[in-house]
Protein backbone atom coordinates (compact mmCIF):
# COMPACT_ATOMS: atom_id res chain seq x y z
CA MET A 1 -0.03 0.06 0.00
CA SER A 2 2.81 2.47 0.76
CA GLU A 3 4.50 1.86 -2.61
CA ARG A 4 1.21 2.70 -4.34
CA LYS A 5 0.86 5.93 -2.19
CA SER A 6 4.32 7.03 -2.90
CA TYR A 7 3.98 6.44 -6.62
CA LEU A 8 0.73 8.51 -6.56
CA GLN A 9 2.49 11.29 -4.65
CA MET A 10 5.35 11.26 -7.15
CA MET A 11 2.87 11.39 -10.07
CA SER A 12 0.95 14.27 -8.45
CA GLU A 13 4.14 16.19 -7.90
CA GLY A 14 5.24 15.62 -11.53
CA PHE A 15 1.85 16.94 -12.83
CA ARG A 16 2.02 19.95 -10.54
CA MET A 17 5.69 20.78 -11.76
CA MET A 18 4.55 20.34 -15.44
CA LYS A 19 1.51 22.74 -14.83
CA GLN A 20 3.77 25.38 -13.15
CA ALA A 21 6.42 25.30 -16.01
CA LYS A 22 3.48 26.14 -18.48
CA GLU A 23 2.48 29.10 -16.47
CA VAL A 24 4.02 32.55 -17.21
CA GLU A 25 4.36 34.92 -14.26
CA GLN A 26 5.99 38.34 -14.32
CA THR A 27 5.90 41.58 -12.32
CA VAL A 28 5.97 44.94 -14.20
CA THR A 29 6.06 48.38 -12.58
CA LEU A 30 4.75 51.73 -14.01
CA ARG A 31 5.50 54.53 -11.34
CA GLN A 32 3.68 53.57 -8.24
CA TRP A 33 1.69 50.76 -9.91
CA THR A 34 2.98 47.16 -9.75
CA PHE A 35 1.23 44.66 -11.98
CA SER A 36 1.76 40.92 -11.59
CA PHE A 37 0.68 38.90 -14.57
CA ARG A 38 0.02 35.26 -14.65
CA HIS A 39 -0.91 33.07 -17.62
CA ASP A 40 -1.89 29.60 -17.60
CA LYS A 41 -5.12 29.09 -19.65
CA GLU A 42 -6.19 32.59 -19.16
CA TRP A 43 -4.57 35.90 -18.11
CA THR A 44 -4.77 37.09 -14.50
CA VAL A 45 -3.51 40.35 -13.22
CA ILE A 46 -2.87 41.65 -9.73
CA LEU A 47 -2.46 45.27 -9.15
CA ARG A 48 -0.64 46.57 -6.21
CA THR A 49 -0.31 50.32 -4.99
CA ASP A 50 0.55 51.92 -1.68
CA ARG A 51 -3.09 51.82 -0.60
CA LEU A 52 -4.61 49.06 -2.72
CA LYS A 53 -4.30 45.53 -3.82
CA TRP A 54 -6.75 44.31 -6.64
CA VAL A 55 -6.96 40.92 -8.06
CA GLY A 56 -8.59 40.64 -11.55
CA ARG A 57 -10.76 37.99 -12.67
CA PRO A 58 -9.16 35.54 -15.21
CA ALA A 59 -9.60 36.74 -18.72
CA ASN A 60 -8.87 35.80 -22.34
CA GLU A 61 -8.67 39.19 -23.71
CA PHE A 62 -5.21 40.89 -23.37
CA SER A 63 -4.63 43.60 -25.90
CA ILE A 64 -1.61 45.91 -26.18
CA ASP A 65 -0.84 48.75 -28.43
CA LEU A 66 1.02 52.19 -28.03
CA ALA A 67 -2.10 54.03 -26.84
CA GLN A 68 -3.85 51.43 -24.61
CA VAL A 69 -3.52 48.20 -22.59
CA ARG A 70 -6.47 46.04 -21.77
CA LEU A 71 -6.77 42.95 -19.75
CA GLY A 72 -10.27 41.83 -18.74
CA ASP A 73 -11.73 44.67 -16.46
CA LEU A 74 -8.48 46.66 -16.37
CA SER A 75 -7.45 49.18 -18.86
CA LEU A 76 -4.68 51.68 -19.22
CA GLN A 77 -4.82 54.53 -21.68
CA ARG A 78 -2.06 56.77 -22.66
CA HIS A 79 -2.73 60.34 -23.46
CA VAL A 80 0.27 61.72 -25.31
CA GLU A 81 -0.46 65.38 -25.11
CA SER A 82 -0.53 65.36 -21.24
CA ASN A 83 1.84 62.28 -20.75
CA GLU A 84 -0.94 60.92 -18.43
CA VAL A 85 -1.69 57.20 -18.21
CA ARG A 86 -5.10 56.52 -16.86
CA LEU A 87 -5.92 53.34 -14.99
CA LYS A 88 -9.53 52.24 -15.16
CA ILE A 89 -11.04 49.11 -13.53
CA GLU A 90 -14.56 48.39 -14.67
CA GLU A 91 -16.29 46.69 -11.78
CA GLU A 92 -19.16 47.52 -9.59
CA TRP A 93 -17.26 49.84 -7.35
CA GLY A 94 -14.65 50.77 -10.05
CA ILE A 95 -11.23 52.24 -9.62
CA GLU A 96 -9.76 55.14 -11.48
CA SER A 97 -6.29 56.55 -11.14
CA LYS A 98 -3.65 58.29 -13.15
CA VAL A 99 0.23 58.70 -13.34
CA VAL A 100 2.31 60.91 -15.44
CA CYS A 101 5.15 59.22 -17.31
CA ASP A 102 7.34 60.10 -20.41
CA ASP A 103 7.49 58.46 -23.81
CA GLU A 104 10.33 56.31 -22.87
CA GLU A 105 8.95 54.98 -19.77
CA TRP A 106 5.66 54.12 -21.32
CA GLY A 107 7.48 52.54 -24.33
CA ARG A 108 9.61 50.15 -22.09
CA PHE A 109 6.36 49.34 -20.18
CA VAL A 110 4.52 48.28 -23.43
CA GLU A 111 7.44 46.38 -24.74
CA THR A 112 7.77 44.31 -21.57
CA LEU A 113 4.15 43.39 -21.79
CA LYS A 114 4.50 42.57 -25.48
CA GLN A 115 7.48 40.13 -24.53
CA LEU A 116 5.18 38.74 -21.76
CA LYS A 117 2.62 38.05 -24.00
CA GLY A 118 4.77 36.63 -26.70
CA GLU A 119 4.22 39.29 -29.50
């Protein structure tokens, strides 16, 4: 019986390790916002700030371009003329915030997300 149990534990551990290897997890920072992205079958994002931690629902939609980033309920929109990046979370209670960053900082952020996504 103990041989069977140890074999099942070994198989379970192997499957867990294979699942973790498929997952992508990376943390990206833009000013005071820290985003932790995780991808297994769907994308998940965790937003951390000084006063907030928000965990997004898993989503299939993850779009990135130079003016906007969108992942599920979370969107970041860049306004070039004011150098503002506006964060919006579309939920019942919703969250809106903004930071100011230059073209270079925003460009690095977008490129990091594209690499994470595999574009």
